[in-house]
């Protein structure tokens, strides 16, 4: 077997395959299907400072080559997370990463402070990119000055690995990436979902209660892959790539484009064992091409 170990700032990953927030619950939901410890890491369902009920139903829809979601970050808040969820997830022998969300800089900073005290959480993913909430998220992720400011403010109170998740719904993904790098990010994850919508033609009404939502799945892969390549060429930070990864070959393409690791999202809804299959597929690829380490293919795109 090839060496699958990679490093994201201070995080040592046993392999580059992780799960995307919002598609893997808090990990425990998948215990019956896979050995969660076999993954390089898991990104937990989004957490906010206070309890959120999320958006009204319907808030998910299957569309051609993907899905729309407008869940709206439903969760029971950080106090519930610390009391009820953290004791269950700190048992894992892998990197457990909390996806941090807010409607204001105060929210992000306060939440980061709380998570910073948890020894079993070695990193947070600062989500400034959510397209299906009415406040926050994209207000920060689509503006360079605000992206830098929220990253910097969180950096001041958080002393572990800070990953910032970027939105693809911007004019220049490179400018936003540079802004969060300047703000003190340790790594960048991209891309989050694209803003999309679906219409019920018979009823002449939107399918989602929010009209628009986040579009994910295999259809977005070529755009996500392009953005990962662009960002990896223009920042001096590790990049975690995601967007339409369904197969080992998809994951390998992101690594070749410059991603140091990847996240699997929508595919988890189709096949709960897909992450393990992708790990095995990456190893098989490395063996077939006589690579001794997965690091040998990261950013090896030949132009």
Foldseek 3Di string as FASTA:
>chain_A
DFQQWFDAQPQIFSHQEEADAPFCAQVPVLVVPDQSLVGREYEHHAAWAAADQFDDPPAKDDDPQWIFGQRGRGDHHDVCCVVPVVVVNLPHNHAYEYEYFDQDLVGRQVSLLSVLPDPSHQEYEDQLDFPRHPGGRVVQQADLVSLLVSLLSNVVRHDGAYEYEHEPPYPDLQSNLVSSVNSPHQEYEDDWFDKDWAADVVVRGTNGPSRIGGIAAQVCLVVQLVSLLVNQVRDPGAYEGETHDQALVSQLSSQLSAHSHYHYGPNCVVPVCRSVRNRVSLVVVCVVVVHNYSNVRGNNDDD
